[in-house]
Amino acid sequence: MYPDLVGAIRDGLYKDTKHILVVDTSQ
């Protein structure tokens, strides 16, 4: 439900950090 938001957080803060994931957990 939140692909754009998840992608923005991941690419903005964790793009080079493989051990941290940004996950859509709404479901």
mmCIF file of all heavy atoms, coordinates in Angstrom:
data_MODEL
# 
_entry.id   MODEL 
# 
loop_
_atom_site.group_PDB 
_atom_site.id 
_atom_site.type_symbol 
_atom_site.label_atom_id 
_atom_site.label_alt_id 
_atom_site.label_comp_id 
_atom_site.label_asym_id 
_atom_site.label_entity_id 
_atom_site.label_seq_id 
_atom_site.pdbx_PDB_ins_code 
_atom_site.Cartn_x 
_atom_site.Cartn_y 
_atom_site.Cartn_z 
_atom_site.occupancy 
_atom_site.B_iso_or_equiv 
_atom_site.pdbx_formal_charge 
_atom_site.auth_seq_id 
_atom_site.auth_comp_id 
_atom_site.auth_asym_id 
_atom_site.auth_atom_id 
_atom_site.pdbx_PDB_model_num 
ATOM 1   N N   . MET A 1 1  ? 0.807  -1.203 0.000  1.00 0.00 ? 1  MET A N   1 
ATOM 2   C CA  . MET A 1 1  ? 0.000  0.000  0.000  1.00 0.00 ? 1  MET A CA  1 
ATOM 3   C C   . MET A 1 1  ? 0.851  1.269  0.000  1.00 0.00 ? 1  MET A C   1 
ATOM 4   O O   . MET A 1 1  ? 0.377  2.340  -0.348 1.00 0.00 ? 1  MET A O   1 
ATOM 5   C CB  . MET A 1 1  ? -0.924 0.010  1.225  1.00 0.00 ? 1  MET A CB  1 
ATOM 6   C CG  . MET A 1 1  ? -2.003 -1.056 1.201  1.00 0.00 ? 1  MET A CG  1 
ATOM 7   S SD  . MET A 1 1  ? -3.019 -1.043 2.700  1.00 0.00 ? 1  MET A SD  1 
ATOM 8   C CE  . MET A 1 1  ? -3.744 0.605  2.591  1.00 0.00 ? 1  MET A CE  1 
ATOM 9   N N   . TYR A 1 2  ? 2.113  1.149  0.411  1.00 0.00 ? 2  TYR A N   1 
ATOM 10  C CA  . TYR A 1 2  ? 2.952  2.334  0.558  1.00 0.00 ? 2  TYR A CA  1 
ATOM 11  C C   . TYR A 1 2  ? 4.272  2.200  -0.216 1.00 0.00 ? 2  TYR A C   1 
ATOM 12  O O   . TYR A 1 2  ? 5.339  2.502  0.326  1.00 0.00 ? 2  TYR A O   1 
ATOM 13  C CB  . TYR A 1 2  ? 3.247  2.562  2.037  1.00 0.00 ? 2  TYR A CB  1 
ATOM 14  C CG  . TYR A 1 2  ? 2.008  2.701  2.882  1.00 0.00 ? 2  TYR A CG  1 
ATOM 15  C CD1 . TYR A 1 2  ? 1.470  1.603  3.535  1.00 0.00 ? 2  TYR A CD1 1 
ATOM 16  C CD2 . TYR A 1 2  ? 1.366  3.930  3.010  1.00 0.00 ? 2  TYR A CD2 1 
ATOM 17  C CE1 . TYR A 1 2  ? 0.315  1.724  4.312  1.00 0.00 ? 2  TYR A CE1 1 
ATOM 18  C CE2 . TYR A 1 2  ? 0.212  4.058  3.777  1.00 0.00 ? 2  TYR A CE2 1 
ATOM 19  C CZ  . TYR A 1 2  ? -0.308 2.950  4.424  1.00 0.00 ? 2  TYR A CZ  1 
ATOM 20  O OH  . TYR A 1 2  ? -1.444 3.076  5.181  1.00 0.00 ? 2  TYR A OH  1 
ATOM 21  N N   . PRO A 1 3  ? 4.243  1.780  -1.476 1.00 0.00 ? 3  PRO A N   1 
ATOM 22  C CA  . PRO A 1 3  ? 5.511  1.534  -2.194 1.00 0.00 ? 3  PRO A CA  1 
ATOM 23  C C   . PRO A 1 3  ? 6.354  2.786  -2.382 1.00 0.00 ? 3  PRO A C   1 
ATOM 24  O O   . PRO A 1 3  ? 7.588  2.727  -2.261 1.00 0.00 ? 3  PRO A O   1 
ATOM 25  C CB  . PRO A 1 3  ? 5.045  0.965  -3.548 1.00 0.00 ? 3  PRO A CB  1 
ATOM 26  C CG  . PRO A 1 3  ? 3.618  1.416  -3.697 1.00 0.00 ? 3  PRO A CG  1 
ATOM 27  C CD  . PRO A 1 3  ? 3.070  1.456  -2.312 1.00 0.00 ? 3  PRO A CD  1 
ATOM 28  N N   . ASP A 1 4  ? 5.726  3.919  -2.691 1.00 0.00 ? 4  ASP A N   1 
ATOM 29  C CA  . ASP A 1 4  ? 6.502  5.140  -2.902 1.00 0.00 ? 4  ASP A CA  1 
ATOM 30  C C   . ASP A 1 4  ? 7.174  5.603  -1.617 1.00 0.00 ? 4  ASP A C   1 
ATOM 31  O O   . ASP A 1 4  ? 8.345  6.008  -1.620 1.00 0.00 ? 4  ASP A O   1 
ATOM 32  C CB  . ASP A 1 4  ? 5.602  6.254  -3.447 1.00 0.00 ? 4  ASP A CB  1 
ATOM 33  C CG  . ASP A 1 4  ? 5.094  5.951  -4.851 1.00 0.00 ? 4  ASP A CG  1 
ATOM 34  O OD1 . ASP A 1 4  ? 5.740  5.145  -5.541 1.00 0.00 ? 4  ASP A OD1 1 
ATOM 35  O OD2 . ASP A 1 4  ? 4.051  6.511  -5.233 1.00 0.00 ? 4  ASP A OD2 1 
ATOM 36  N N   . LEU A 1 5  ? 6.429  5.536  -0.520 1.00 0.00 ? 5  LEU A N   1 
ATOM 37  C CA  . LEU A 1 5  ? 6.985  5.958  0.762  1.00 0.00 ? 5  LEU A CA  1 
ATOM 38  C C   . LEU A 1 5  ? 8.103  5.025  1.216  1.00 0.00 ? 5  LEU A C   1 
ATOM 39  O O   . LEU A 1 5  ? 9.171  5.472  1.653  1.00 0.00 ? 5  LEU A O   1 
ATOM 40  C CB  . LEU A 1 5  ? 5.870  5.983  1.811  1.00 0.00 ? 5  LEU A CB  1 
ATOM 41  C CG  . LEU A 1 5  ? 6.245  6.468  3.206  1.00 0.00 ? 5  LEU A CG  1 
ATOM 42  C CD1 . LEU A 1 5  ? 6.750  7.902  3.157  1.00 0.00 ? 5  LEU A CD1 1 
ATOM 43  C CD2 . LEU A 1 5  ? 5.057  6.363  4.140  1.00 0.00 ? 5  LEU A CD2 1 
ATOM 44  N N   . VAL A 1 6  ? 7.873  3.716  1.078  1.00 0.00 ? 6  VAL A N   1 
ATOM 45  C CA  . VAL A 1 6  ? 8.900  2.733  1.440  1.00 0.00 ? 6  VAL A CA  1 
ATOM 46  C C   . VAL A 1 6  ? 10.154 2.957  0.601  1.00 0.00 ? 6  VAL A C   1 
ATOM 47  O O   . VAL A 1 6  ? 11.286 2.957  1.120  1.00 0.00 ? 6  VAL A O   1 
ATOM 48  C CB  . VAL A 1 6  ? 8.362  1.297  1.240  1.00 0.00 ? 6  VAL A CB  1 
ATOM 49  C CG1 . VAL A 1 6  ? 9.502  0.285  1.313  1.00 0.00 ? 6  VAL A CG1 1 
ATOM 50  C CG2 . VAL A 1 6  ? 7.305  0.976  2.281  1.00 0.00 ? 6  VAL A CG2 1 
ATOM 51  N N   . GLY A 1 7  ? 9.969  3.173  -0.700 1.00 0.00 ? 7  GLY A N   1 
ATOM 52  C CA  . GLY A 1 7  ? 11.116 3.395  -1.569 1.00 0.00 ? 7  GLY A CA  1 
ATOM 53  C C   . GLY A 1 7  ? 11.877 4.664  -1.224 1.00 0.00 ? 7  GLY A C   1 
ATOM 54  O O   . GLY A 1 7  ? 13.114 4.690  -1.251 1.00 0.00 ? 7  GLY A O   1 
ATOM 55  N N   . ALA A 1 8  ? 11.150 5.742  -0.870 1.00 0.00 ? 8  ALA A N   1 
ATOM 56  C CA  . ALA A 1 8  ? 11.809 7.003  -0.530 1.00 0.00 ? 8  ALA A CA  1 
ATOM 57  C C   . ALA A 1 8  ? 12.641 6.870  0.745  1.00 0.00 ? 8  ALA A C   1 
ATOM 58  O O   . ALA A 1 8  ? 13.774 7.368  0.813  1.00 0.00 ? 8  ALA A O   1 
ATOM 59  C CB  . ALA A 1 8  ? 10.753 8.101  -0.367 1.00 0.00 ? 8  ALA A CB  1 
ATOM 60  N N   . ILE A 1 9  ? 12.095 6.199  1.759  1.00 0.00 ? 9  ILE A N   1 
ATOM 61  C CA  . ILE A 1 9  ? 12.851 6.023  3.003  1.00 0.00 ? 9  ILE A CA  1 
ATOM 62  C C   . ILE A 1 9  ? 14.062 5.135  2.768  1.00 0.00 ? 9  ILE A C   1 
ATOM 63  O O   . ILE A 1 9  ? 15.173 5.422  3.233  1.00 0.00 ? 9  ILE A O   1 
ATOM 64  C CB  . ILE A 1 9  ? 11.942 5.419  4.094  1.00 0.00 ? 9  ILE A CB  1 
ATOM 65  C CG1 . ILE A 1 9  ? 10.786 6.371  4.415  1.00 0.00 ? 9  ILE A CG1 1 
ATOM 66  C CG2 . ILE A 1 9  ? 12.752 5.128  5.360  1.00 0.00 ? 9  ILE A CG2 1 
ATOM 67  C CD1 . ILE A 1 9  ? 9.758  5.782  5.365  1.00 0.00 ? 9  ILE A CD1 1 
ATOM 68  N N   . ARG A 1 10 ? 13.849 4.056  2.025  1.00 0.00 ? 10 ARG A N   1 
ATOM 69  C CA  . ARG A 1 10 ? 14.960 3.130  1.757  1.00 0.00 ? 10 ARG A CA  1 
ATOM 70  C C   . ARG A 1 10 ? 16.072 3.806  0.967  1.00 0.00 ? 10 ARG A C   1 
ATOM 71  O O   . ARG A 1 10 ? 17.249 3.738  1.321  1.00 0.00 ? 10 ARG A O   1 
ATOM 72  C CB  . ARG A 1 10 ? 14.429 1.914  0.997  1.00 0.00 ? 10 ARG A CB  1 
ATOM 73  C CG  . ARG A 1 10 ? 15.514 0.865  0.686  1.00 0.00 ? 10 ARG A CG  1 
ATOM 74  C CD  . ARG A 1 10 ? 14.972 -0.258 -0.162 1.00 0.00 ? 10 ARG A CD  1 
ATOM 75  N NE  . ARG A 1 10 ? 14.499 0.242  -1.453 1.00 0.00 ? 10 ARG A NE  1 
ATOM 76  C CZ  . ARG A 1 10 ? 13.241 0.148  -1.861 1.00 0.00 ? 10 ARG A CZ  1 
ATOM 77  N NH1 . ARG A 1 10 ? 12.330 -0.412 -1.090 1.00 0.00 ? 10 ARG A NH1 1 
ATOM 78  N NH2 . ARG A 1 10 ? 12.888 0.632  -3.050 1.00 0.00 ? 10 ARG A NH2 1 
ATOM 79  N N   . ASP A 1 11 ? 15.703 4.479  -0.131 1.00 0.00 ? 11 ASP A N   1 
ATOM 80  C CA  . ASP A 1 11 ? 16.731 5.097  -0.977 1.00 0.00 ? 11 ASP A CA  1 
ATOM 81  C C   . ASP A 1 11 ? 17.364 6.318  -0.317 1.00 0.00 ? 11 ASP A C   1 
ATOM 82  O O   . ASP A 1 11 ? 18.538 6.616  -0.550 1.00 0.00 ? 11 ASP A O   1 
ATOM 83  C CB  . ASP A 1 11 ? 16.114 5.503  -2.315 1.00 0.00 ? 11 ASP A CB  1 
ATOM 84  C CG  . ASP A 1 11 ? 15.645 4.299  -3.130 1.00 0.00 ? 11 ASP A CG  1 
ATOM 85  O OD1 . ASP A 1 11 ? 16.107 3.183  -2.840 1.00 0.00 ? 11 ASP A OD1 1 
ATOM 86  O OD2 . ASP A 1 11 ? 14.800 4.482  -4.025 1.00 0.00 ? 11 ASP A OD2 1 
ATOM 87  N N   . GLY A 1 12 ? 16.590 7.018  0.516  1.00 0.00 ? 12 GLY A N   1 
ATOM 88  C CA  . GLY A 1 12 ? 17.126 8.220  1.142  1.00 0.00 ? 12 GLY A CA  1 
ATOM 89  C C   . GLY A 1 12 ? 18.006 7.959  2.341  1.00 0.00 ? 12 GLY A C   1 
ATOM 90  O O   . GLY A 1 12 ? 18.961 8.704  2.591  1.00 0.00 ? 12 GLY A O   1 
ATOM 91  N N   . LEU A 1 13 ? 17.719 6.885  3.097  1.00 0.00 ? 13 LEU A N   1 
ATOM 92  C CA  . LEU A 1 13 ? 18.442 6.647  4.349  1.00 0.00 ? 13 LEU A CA  1 
ATOM 93  C C   . LEU A 1 13 ? 19.218 5.338  4.403  1.00 0.00 ? 13 LEU A C   1 
ATOM 94  O O   . LEU A 1 13 ? 20.219 5.233  5.120  1.00 0.00 ? 13 LEU A O   1 
ATOM 95  C CB  . LEU A 1 13 ? 17.446 6.675  5.523  1.00 0.00 ? 13 LEU A CB  1 
ATOM 96  C CG  . LEU A 1 13 ? 16.702 7.993  5.762  1.00 0.00 ? 13 LEU A CG  1 
ATOM 97  C CD1 . LEU A 1 13 ? 15.732 7.832  6.924  1.00 0.00 ? 13 LEU A CD1 1 
ATOM 98  C CD2 . LEU A 1 13 ? 17.672 9.131  6.029  1.00 0.00 ? 13 LEU A CD2 1 
ATOM 99  N N   . TYR A 1 14 ? 18.763 4.323  3.655  1.00 0.00 ? 14 TYR A N   1 
ATOM 100 C CA  . TYR A 1 14 ? 19.347 2.992  3.832  1.00 0.00 ? 14 TYR A CA  1 
ATOM 101 C C   . TYR A 1 14 ? 19.789 2.357  2.518  1.00 0.00 ? 14 TYR A C   1 
ATOM 102 O O   . TYR A 1 14 ? 19.913 1.137  2.434  1.00 0.00 ? 14 TYR A O   1 
ATOM 103 C CB  . TYR A 1 14 ? 18.323 2.078  4.520  1.00 0.00 ? 14 TYR A CB  1 
ATOM 104 C CG  . TYR A 1 14 ? 17.855 2.588  5.859  1.00 0.00 ? 14 TYR A CG  1 
ATOM 105 C CD1 . TYR A 1 14 ? 16.572 3.095  6.018  1.00 0.00 ? 14 TYR A CD1 1 
ATOM 106 C CD2 . TYR A 1 14 ? 18.692 2.570  6.972  1.00 0.00 ? 14 TYR A CD2 1 
ATOM 107 C CE1 . TYR A 1 14 ? 16.131 3.578  7.253  1.00 0.00 ? 14 TYR A CE1 1 
ATOM 108 C CE2 . TYR A 1 14 ? 18.271 3.046  8.201  1.00 0.00 ? 14 TYR A CE2 1 
ATOM 109 C CZ  . TYR A 1 14 ? 16.982 3.547  8.331  1.00 0.00 ? 14 TYR A CZ  1 
ATOM 110 O OH  . TYR A 1 14 ? 16.560 4.027  9.547  1.00 0.00 ? 14 TYR A OH  1 
ATOM 111 N N   . LYS A 1 15 ? 20.032 3.150  1.515  1.00 0.00 ? 15 LYS A N   1 
ATOM 112 C CA  . LYS A 1 15 ? 20.384 2.617  0.207  1.00 0.00 ? 15 LYS A CA  1 
ATOM 113 C C   . LYS A 1 15 ? 21.640 1.765  0.252  1.00 0.00 ? 15 LYS A C   1 
ATOM 114 O O   . LYS A 1 15 ? 21.744 0.738  -0.440 1.00 0.00 ? 15 LYS A O   1 
ATOM 115 C CB  . LYS A 1 15 ? 20.574 3.771  -0.783 1.00 0.00 ? 15 LYS A CB  1 
ATOM 116 C CG  . LYS A 1 15 ? 20.776 3.320  -2.220 1.00 0.00 ? 15 LYS A CG  1 
ATOM 117 C CD  . LYS A 1 15 ? 20.824 4.507  -3.159 1.00 0.00 ? 15 LYS A CD  1 
ATOM 118 C CE  . LYS A 1 15 ? 20.963 4.049  -4.608 1.00 0.00 ? 15 LYS A CE  1 
ATOM 119 N NZ  . LYS A 1 15 ? 20.978 5.203  -5.550 1.00 0.00 ? 15 LYS A NZ  1 
ATOM 120 N N   . ASP A 1 16 ? 22.613 2.151  1.053  1.00 0.00 ? 16 ASP A N   1 
ATOM 121 C CA  . ASP A 1 16 ? 23.886 1.428  1.126  1.00 0.00 ? 16 ASP A CA  1 
ATOM 122 C C   . ASP A 1 16 ? 23.982 0.563  2.384  1.00 0.00 ? 16 ASP A C   1 
ATOM 123 O O   . ASP A 1 16 ? 25.074 0.127  2.758  1.00 0.00 ? 16 ASP A O   1 
ATOM 124 C CB  . ASP A 1 16 ? 25.052 2.423  1.094  1.00 0.00 ? 16 ASP A CB  1 
ATOM 125 C CG  . ASP A 1 16 ? 25.075 3.229  -0.192 1.00 0.00 ? 16 ASP A CG  1 
ATOM 126 O OD1 . ASP A 1 16 ? 24.760 2.652  -1.250 1.00 0.00 ? 16 ASP A OD1 1 
ATOM 127 O OD2 . ASP A 1 16 ? 25.384 4.434  -0.127 1.00 0.00 ? 16 ASP A OD2 1 
ATOM 128 N N   . THR A 1 17 ? 22.858 0.327  3.039  1.00 0.00 ? 17 THR A N   1 
ATOM 129 C CA  . THR A 1 17 ? 22.846 -0.468 4.276  1.00 0.00 ? 17 THR A CA  1 
ATOM 130 C C   . THR A 1 17 ? 22.032 -1.730 4.045  1.00 0.00 ? 17 THR A C   1 
ATOM 131 O O   . THR A 1 17 ? 20.808 -1.713 4.090  1.00 0.00 ? 17 THR A O   1 
ATOM 132 C CB  . THR A 1 17 ? 22.237 0.335  5.440  1.00 0.00 ? 17 THR A CB  1 
ATOM 133 O OG1 . THR A 1 17 ? 22.878 1.619  5.500  1.00 0.00 ? 17 THR A OG1 1 
ATOM 134 C CG2 . THR A 1 17 ? 22.440 -0.388 6.759  1.00 0.00 ? 17 THR A CG2 1 
ATOM 135 N N   . LYS A 1 18 ? 22.715 -2.841 3.783  1.00 0.00 ? 18 LYS A N   1 
ATOM 136 C CA  . LYS A 1 18 ? 22.038 -4.072 3.400  1.00 0.00 ? 18 LYS A CA  1 
ATOM 137 C C   . LYS A 1 18 ? 21.298 -4.741 4.569  1.00 0.00 ? 18 LYS A C   1 
ATOM 138 O O   . LYS A 1 18 ? 20.343 -5.487 4.349  1.00 0.00 ? 18 LYS A O   1 
ATOM 139 C CB  . LYS A 1 18 ? 23.049 -5.057 2.815  1.00 0.00 ? 18 LYS A CB  1 
ATOM 140 C CG  . LYS A 1 18 ? 23.684 -4.576 1.511  1.00 0.00 ? 18 LYS A CG  1 
ATOM 141 C CD  . LYS A 1 18 ? 24.651 -5.604 0.966  1.00 0.00 ? 18 LYS A CD  1 
ATOM 142 C CE  . LYS A 1 18 ? 25.266 -5.129 -0.345 1.00 0.00 ? 18 LYS A CE  1 
ATOM 143 N NZ  . LYS A 1 18 ? 26.234 -6.120 -0.893 1.00 0.00 ? 18 LYS A NZ  1 
ATOM 144 N N   . HIS A 1 19 ? 21.740 -4.498 5.795  1.00 0.00 ? 19 HIS A N   1 
ATOM 145 C CA  . HIS A 1 19 ? 21.160 -5.217 6.930  1.00 0.00 ? 19 HIS A CA  1 
ATOM 146 C C   . HIS A 1 19 ? 19.960 -4.483 7.542  1.00 0.00 ? 19 HIS A C   1 
ATOM 147 O O   . HIS A 1 19 ? 19.443 -4.919 8.561  1.00 0.00 ? 19 HIS A O   1 
ATOM 148 C CB  . HIS A 1 19 ? 22.216 -5.462 8.007  1.00 0.00 ? 19 HIS A CB  1 
ATOM 149 C CG  . HIS A 1 19 ? 22.729 -4.209 8.651  1.00 0.00 ? 19 HIS A CG  1 
ATOM 150 N ND1 . HIS A 1 19 ? 23.672 -3.403 8.060  1.00 0.00 ? 19 HIS A ND1 1 
ATOM 151 C CD2 . HIS A 1 19 ? 22.422 -3.624 9.841  1.00 0.00 ? 19 HIS A CD2 1 
ATOM 152 C CE1 . HIS A 1 19 ? 23.924 -2.383 8.843  1.00 0.00 ? 19 HIS A CE1 1 
ATOM 153 N NE2 . HIS A 1 19 ? 23.181 -2.480 9.926  1.00 0.00 ? 19 HIS A NE2 1 
ATOM 154 N N   . ILE A 1 20 ? 19.516 -3.368 6.933  1.00 0.00 ? 20 ILE A N   1 
ATOM 155 C CA  . ILE A 1 20 ? 18.327 -2.668 7.416  1.00 0.00 ? 20 ILE A CA  1 
ATOM 156 C C   . ILE A 1 20 ? 17.315 -2.592 6.277  1.00 0.00 ? 20 ILE A C   1 
ATOM 157 O O   . ILE A 1 20 ? 17.624 -2.113 5.187  1.00 0.00 ? 20 ILE A O   1 
ATOM 158 C CB  . ILE A 1 20 ? 18.661 -1.252 7.922  1.00 0.00 ? 20 ILE A CB  1 
ATOM 159 C CG1 . ILE A 1 20 ? 19.648 -1.330 9.094  1.00 0.00 ? 20 ILE A CG1 1 
ATOM 160 C CG2 . ILE A 1 20 ? 17.388 -0.533 8.364  1.00 0.00 ? 20 ILE A CG2 1 
ATOM 161 C CD1 . ILE A 1 20 ? 20.049 0.014  9.659  1.00 0.00 ? 20 ILE A CD1 1 
ATOM 162 N N   . LEU A 1 21 ? 16.098 -3.068 6.531  1.00 0.00 ? 21 LEU A N   1 
ATOM 163 C CA  . LEU A 1 21 ? 15.051 -3.104 5.522  1.00 0.00 ? 21 LEU A CA  1 
ATOM 164 C C   . LEU A 1 21 ? 13.932 -2.138 5.891  1.00 0.00 ? 21 LEU A C   1 
ATOM 165 O O   . LEU A 1 21 ? 13.653 -1.921 7.071  1.00 0.00 ? 21 LEU A O   1 
ATOM 166 C CB  . LEU A 1 21 ? 14.477 -4.514 5.402  1.00 0.00 ? 21 LEU A CB  1 
ATOM 167 C CG  . LEU A 1 21 ? 15.472 -5.638 5.091  1.00 0.00 ? 21 LEU A CG  1 
ATOM 168 C CD1 . LEU A 1 21 ? 14.738 -6.981 5.074  1.00 0.00 ? 21 LEU A CD1 1 
ATOM 169 C CD2 . LEU A 1 21 ? 16.185 -5.400 3.772  1.00 0.00 ? 21 LEU A CD2 1 
ATOM 170 N N   . VAL A 1 22 ? 13.298 -1.570 4.892  1.00 0.00 ? 22 VAL A N   1 
ATOM 171 C CA  . VAL A 1 22 ? 12.103 -0.750 5.079  1.00 0.00 ? 22 VAL A CA  1 
ATOM 172 C C   . VAL A 1 22 ? 10.943 -1.565 4.508  1.00 0.00 ? 22 VAL A C   1 
ATOM 173 O O   . VAL A 1 22 ? 10.913 -1.858 3.313  1.00 0.00 ? 22 VAL A O   1 
ATOM 174 C CB  . VAL A 1 22 ? 12.223 0.605  4.367  1.00 0.00 ? 22 VAL A CB  1 
ATOM 175 C CG1 . VAL A 1 22 ? 11.002 1.460  4.673  1.00 0.00 ? 22 VAL A CG1 1 
ATOM 176 C CG2 . VAL A 1 22 ? 13.500 1.328  4.803  1.00 0.00 ? 22 VAL A CG2 1 
ATOM 177 N N   . VAL A 1 23 ? 9.984  -1.934 5.372  1.00 0.00 ? 23 VAL A N   1 
ATOM 178 C CA  . VAL A 1 23 ? 8.986  -2.944 5.013  1.00 0.00 ? 23 VAL A CA  1 
ATOM 179 C C   . VAL A 1 23 ? 7.572  -2.384 5.144  1.00 0.00 ? 23 VAL A C   1 
ATOM 180 O O   . VAL A 1 23 ? 7.240  -1.728 6.132  1.00 0.00 ? 23 VAL A O   1 
ATOM 181 C CB  . VAL A 1 23 ? 9.131  -4.185 5.930  1.00 0.00 ? 23 VAL A CB  1 
ATOM 182 C CG1 . VAL A 1 23 ? 8.168  -5.276 5.494  1.00 0.00 ? 23 VAL A CG1 1 
ATOM 183 C CG2 . VAL A 1 23 ? 10.572 -4.689 5.924  1.00 0.00 ? 23 VAL A CG2 1 
ATOM 184 N N   . ASP A 1 24 ? 6.753  -2.659 4.139  1.00 0.00 ? 24 ASP A N   1 
ATOM 185 C CA  . ASP A 1 24 ? 5.322  -2.368 4.239  1.00 0.00 ? 24 ASP A CA  1 
ATOM 186 C C   . ASP A 1 24 ? 4.696  -3.444 5.112  1.00 0.00 ? 24 ASP A C   1 
ATOM 187 O O   . ASP A 1 24 ? 4.546  -4.588 4.698  1.00 0.00 ? 24 ASP A O   1 
ATOM 188 C CB  . ASP A 1 24 ? 4.700  -2.387 2.837  1.00 0.00 ? 24 ASP A CB  1 
ATOM 189 C CG  . ASP A 1 24 ? 3.192  -2.101 2.847  1.00 0.00 ? 24 ASP A CG  1 
ATOM 190 O OD1 . ASP A 1 24 ? 2.593  -2.081 3.930  1.00 0.00 ? 24 ASP A OD1 1 
ATOM 191 O OD2 . ASP A 1 24 ? 2.624  -1.939 1.761  1.00 0.00 ? 24 ASP A OD2 1 
ATOM 192 N N   . THR A 1 25 ? 4.356  -3.091 6.347  1.00 0.00 ? 25 THR A N   1 
ATOM 193 C CA  . THR A 1 25 ? 3.792  -4.068 7.284  1.00 0.00 ? 25 THR A CA  1 
ATOM 194 C C   . THR A 1 25 ? 2.300  -3.850 7.530  1.00 0.00 ? 25 THR A C   1 
ATOM 195 O O   . THR A 1 25 ? 1.732  -4.404 8.472  1.00 0.00 ? 25 THR A O   1 
ATOM 196 C CB  . THR A 1 25 ? 4.545  -4.011 8.629  1.00 0.00 ? 25 THR A CB  1 
ATOM 197 O OG1 . THR A 1 25 ? 4.711  -2.647 9.046  1.00 0.00 ? 25 THR A OG1 1 
ATOM 198 C CG2 . THR A 1 25 ? 5.906  -4.660 8.513  1.00 0.00 ? 25 THR A CG2 1 
ATOM 199 N N   . SER A 1 26 ? 1.658  -3.068 6.688  1.00 0.00 ? 26 SER A N   1 
ATOM 200 C CA  . SER A 1 26 ? 0.241  -2.768 6.904  1.00 0.00 ? 26 SER A CA  1 
ATOM 201 C C   . SER A 1 26 ? -0.624 -4.019 6.857  1.00 0.00 ? 26 SER A C   1 
ATOM 202 O O   . SER A 1 26 ? -1.672 -4.084 7.500  1.00 0.00 ? 26 SER A O   1 
ATOM 203 C CB  . SER A 1 26 ? -0.248 -1.756 5.865  1.00 0.00 ? 26 SER A CB  1 
ATOM 204 O OG  . SER A 1 26 ? -0.039 -2.246 4.548  1.00 0.00 ? 26 SER A OG  1 
ATOM 205 N N   . GLN A 1 27 ? -0.173 -5.041 6.098  1.00 0.00 ? 27 GLN A N   1 
ATOM 206 C CA  . GLN A 1 27 ? -0.906 -6.300 6.017  1.00 0.00 ? 27 GLN A CA  1 
ATOM 207 C C   . GLN A 1 27 ? -0.094 -7.455 6.594  1.00 0.00 ? 27 GLN A C   1 
ATOM 208 O O   . GLN A 1 27 ? -0.362 -8.614 6.302  1.00 0.00 ? 27 GLN A O   1 
ATOM 209 C CB  . GLN A 1 27 ? -1.250 -6.604 4.557  1.00 0.00 ? 27 GLN A CB  1 
ATOM 210 C CG  . GLN A 1 27 ? -2.051 -5.517 3.861  1.00 0.00 ? 27 GLN A CG  1 
ATOM 211 C CD  . GLN A 1 27 ? -3.407 -5.294 4.497  1.00 0.00 ? 27 GLN A CD  1 
ATOM 212 O OE1 . GLN A 1 27 ? -4.090 -6.249 4.876  1.00 0.00 ? 27 GLN A OE1 1 
ATOM 213 N NE2 . GLN A 1 27 ? -3.813 -4.031 4.626  1.00 0.00 ? 27 GLN A NE2 1 
# 
